[in-house]
Amino acid sequence: MNYFSYKKFRNDSISAFILIGILIIYYFVFPAYFIPETTEDGINCGLPILGITLGSWIFGTFAGITTHIVWLYWKPKLVRT
C-alpha cells in the first residue's frame, strides 16, 4: 500500500526509502511476533528462534526486493503522471 502513496510525493527516491522501511520491518519487527514464549519447566532451546529469525530475514529480503523491482518495472504503466 505504501507504493500507491507514491503518487502524492512525486519523488523518484521515495521508493528506495519504502524498500528500506519494509526491510527494517522484516528484520526487526516480524521475528519478535513469532518467537515462542519460554517456559520455566521445559527445555528452552534457541533453535526455533534461530529458524524464525533466519526465515523472516530470507523471506523478507526476497519479498521486499521482489516488490521493489516489480514496482520499478510496472510503475510507468500503473502511475500516470
C-alpha atoms as a PDB file:
ATOM      1  CA  MET A   1       0.000   0.000   0.000  1.00  0.00           C
ATOM      2  CA  ASN A   2       2.921   2.333   0.580  1.00  0.00           C
ATOM      3  CA  TYR A   3       3.880   2.120  -3.057  1.00  0.00           C
ATOM      4  CA  PHE A   4       0.488   3.516  -4.040  1.00  0.00           C
ATOM      5  CA  SER A   5       1.096   6.593  -1.871  1.00  0.00           C
ATOM      6  CA  TYR A   6       3.974   7.267  -4.261  1.00  0.00           C
ATOM      7  CA  LYS A   7       1.704   9.482  -6.388  1.00  0.00           C
ATOM      8  CA  LYS A   8       1.431  12.037  -3.575  1.00  0.00           C
ATOM      9  CA  PHE A   9       5.156  12.630  -3.199  1.00  0.00           C
ATOM     10  CA  ARG A  10       6.221  12.852  -6.866  1.00  0.00           C
ATOM     11  CA  ASN A  11       9.785  11.998  -5.886  1.00  0.00           C
ATOM     12  CA  ASP A  12      11.787   9.205  -7.510  1.00  0.00           C
ATOM     13  CA  SER A  13      13.849   8.374  -4.421  1.00  0.00           C
ATOM     14  CA  ILE A  14      10.838   7.671  -2.188  1.00  0.00           C
ATOM     15  CA  SER A  15      10.643   4.074  -3.463  1.00  0.00           C
ATOM     16  CA  ALA A  16      14.126   3.380  -2.042  1.00  0.00           C
ATOM     17  CA  PHE A  17      13.027   4.689   1.365  1.00  0.00           C
ATOM     18  CA  ILE A  18       9.944   2.477   1.230  1.00  0.00           C
ATOM     19  CA  LEU A  19      12.167  -0.546   0.475  1.00  0.00           C
ATOM     20  CA  ILE A  20      14.434   0.285   3.399  1.00  0.00           C
ATOM     21  CA  GLY A  21      11.414   0.627   5.686  1.00  0.00           C
ATOM     22  CA  ILE A  22       9.995  -2.713   4.574  1.00  0.00           C
ATOM     23  CA  LEU A  23      13.341  -4.450   5.114  1.00  0.00           C
ATOM     24  CA  ILE A  24      13.705  -2.946   8.597  1.00  0.00           C
ATOM     25  CA  ILE A  25      10.251  -4.244   9.487  1.00  0.00           C
ATOM     26  CA  TYR A  26      11.109  -7.746   8.215  1.00  0.00           C
ATOM     27  CA  TYR A  27      14.432  -7.790  10.092  1.00  0.00           C
ATOM     28  CA  PHE A  28      13.426  -6.389  13.464  1.00  0.00           C
ATOM     29  CA  VAL A  29       9.645  -6.321  13.927  1.00  0.00           C
ATOM     30  CA  PHE A  30       8.213  -9.519  12.397  1.00  0.00           C
ATOM     31  CA  PRO A  31      10.543 -12.071  14.072  1.00  0.00           C
ATOM     32  CA  ALA A  32       9.550 -10.789  17.520  1.00  0.00           C
ATOM     33  CA  TYR A  33       5.901 -11.670  16.889  1.00  0.00           C
ATOM     34  CA  PHE A  34       6.621 -15.331  16.109  1.00  0.00           C
ATOM     35  CA  ILE A  35       9.213 -16.218  18.761  1.00  0.00           C
ATOM     36  CA  PRO A  36       7.672 -18.708  21.229  1.00  0.00           C
ATOM     37  CA  GLU A  37       7.418 -17.892  24.917  1.00  0.00           C
ATOM     38  CA  THR A  38       9.962 -19.517  27.215  1.00  0.00           C
ATOM     39  CA  THR A  39       8.779 -21.904  29.920  1.00  0.00           C
ATOM     40  CA  GLU A  40      10.382 -22.479  33.270  1.00  0.00           C
ATOM     41  CA  ASP A  41       9.627 -26.214  33.303  1.00  0.00           C
ATOM     42  CA  GLY A  42      10.822 -27.194  29.841  1.00  0.00           C
ATOM     43  CA  ILE A  43      13.951 -27.003  27.792  1.00  0.00           C
ATOM     44  CA  ASN A  44      14.329 -23.586  26.208  1.00  0.00           C
ATOM     45  CA  CYS A  45      16.216 -24.358  23.035  1.00  0.00           C
ATOM     46  CA  GLY A  46      17.250 -21.472  20.820  1.00  0.00           C
ATOM     47  CA  LEU A  47      16.811 -23.398  17.601  1.00  0.00           C
ATOM     48  CA  PRO A  48      13.204 -22.265  16.910  1.00  0.00           C
ATOM     49  CA  ILE A  49      14.260 -18.679  17.482  1.00  0.00           C
ATOM     50  CA  LEU A  50      17.114 -19.077  15.017  1.00  0.00           C
ATOM     51  CA  GLY A  51      14.848 -20.648  12.403  1.00  0.00           C
ATOM     52  CA  ILE A  52      12.155 -17.998  12.759  1.00  0.00           C
ATOM     53  CA  THR A  53      14.669 -15.163  12.582  1.00  0.00           C
ATOM     54  CA  LEU A  54      16.552 -16.518   9.574  1.00  0.00           C
ATOM     55  CA  GLY A  55      13.325 -17.438   7.789  1.00  0.00           C
ATOM     56  CA  SER A  56      11.989 -13.936   8.302  1.00  0.00           C
ATOM     57  CA  TRP A  57      15.231 -12.408   7.055  1.00  0.00           C
ATOM     58  CA  ILE A  58      15.391 -14.590   3.952  1.00  0.00           C
ATOM     59  CA  PHE A  59      11.695 -14.334   3.080  1.00  0.00           C
ATOM     60  CA  GLY A  60      11.605 -10.624   3.931  1.00  0.00           C
ATOM     61  CA  THR A  61      14.611  -9.766   1.810  1.00  0.00           C
ATOM     62  CA  PHE A  62      13.261 -11.753  -1.136  1.00  0.00           C
ATOM     63  CA  ALA A  63       9.737 -10.336  -0.803  1.00  0.00           C
ATOM     64  CA  GLY A  64      10.894  -6.739  -0.309  1.00  0.00           C
ATOM     65  CA  ILE A  65      13.337  -6.698  -3.198  1.00  0.00           C
ATOM     66  CA  THR A  66      10.888  -8.523  -5.483  1.00  0.00           C
ATOM     67  CA  THR A  67       8.175  -5.996  -4.672  1.00  0.00           C
ATOM     68  CA  HIS A  68      10.601  -3.145  -5.284  1.00  0.00           C
ATOM     69  CA  ILE A  69      11.769  -4.489  -8.647  1.00  0.00           C
ATOM     70  CA  VAL A  70       8.214  -5.213  -9.803  1.00  0.00           C
ATOM     71  CA  TRP A  71       7.225  -1.700  -8.785  1.00  0.00           C
ATOM     72  CA  LEU A  72      10.117  -0.151 -10.714  1.00  0.00           C
ATOM     73  CA  TYR A  73       9.186  -2.017 -13.904  1.00  0.00           C
ATOM     74  CA  TRP A  74       5.403  -1.602 -13.634  1.00  0.00           C
ATOM     75  CA  LYS A  75       5.398   1.964 -12.281  1.00  0.00           C
ATOM     76  CA  PRO A  76       5.184   3.646 -15.707  1.00  0.00           C
ATOM     77  CA  LYS A  77       2.129   1.535 -16.559  1.00  0.00           C
ATOM     78  CA  LEU A  78       0.287   1.981 -13.247  1.00  0.00           C
ATOM     79  CA  VAL A  79       1.024   5.602 -12.334  1.00  0.00           C
ATOM     80  CA  ARG A  80       0.113   8.094 -14.975  1.00  0.00           C
ATOM     81  CA  THR A  81       1.670  11.488 -14.400  1.00  0.00           C
END
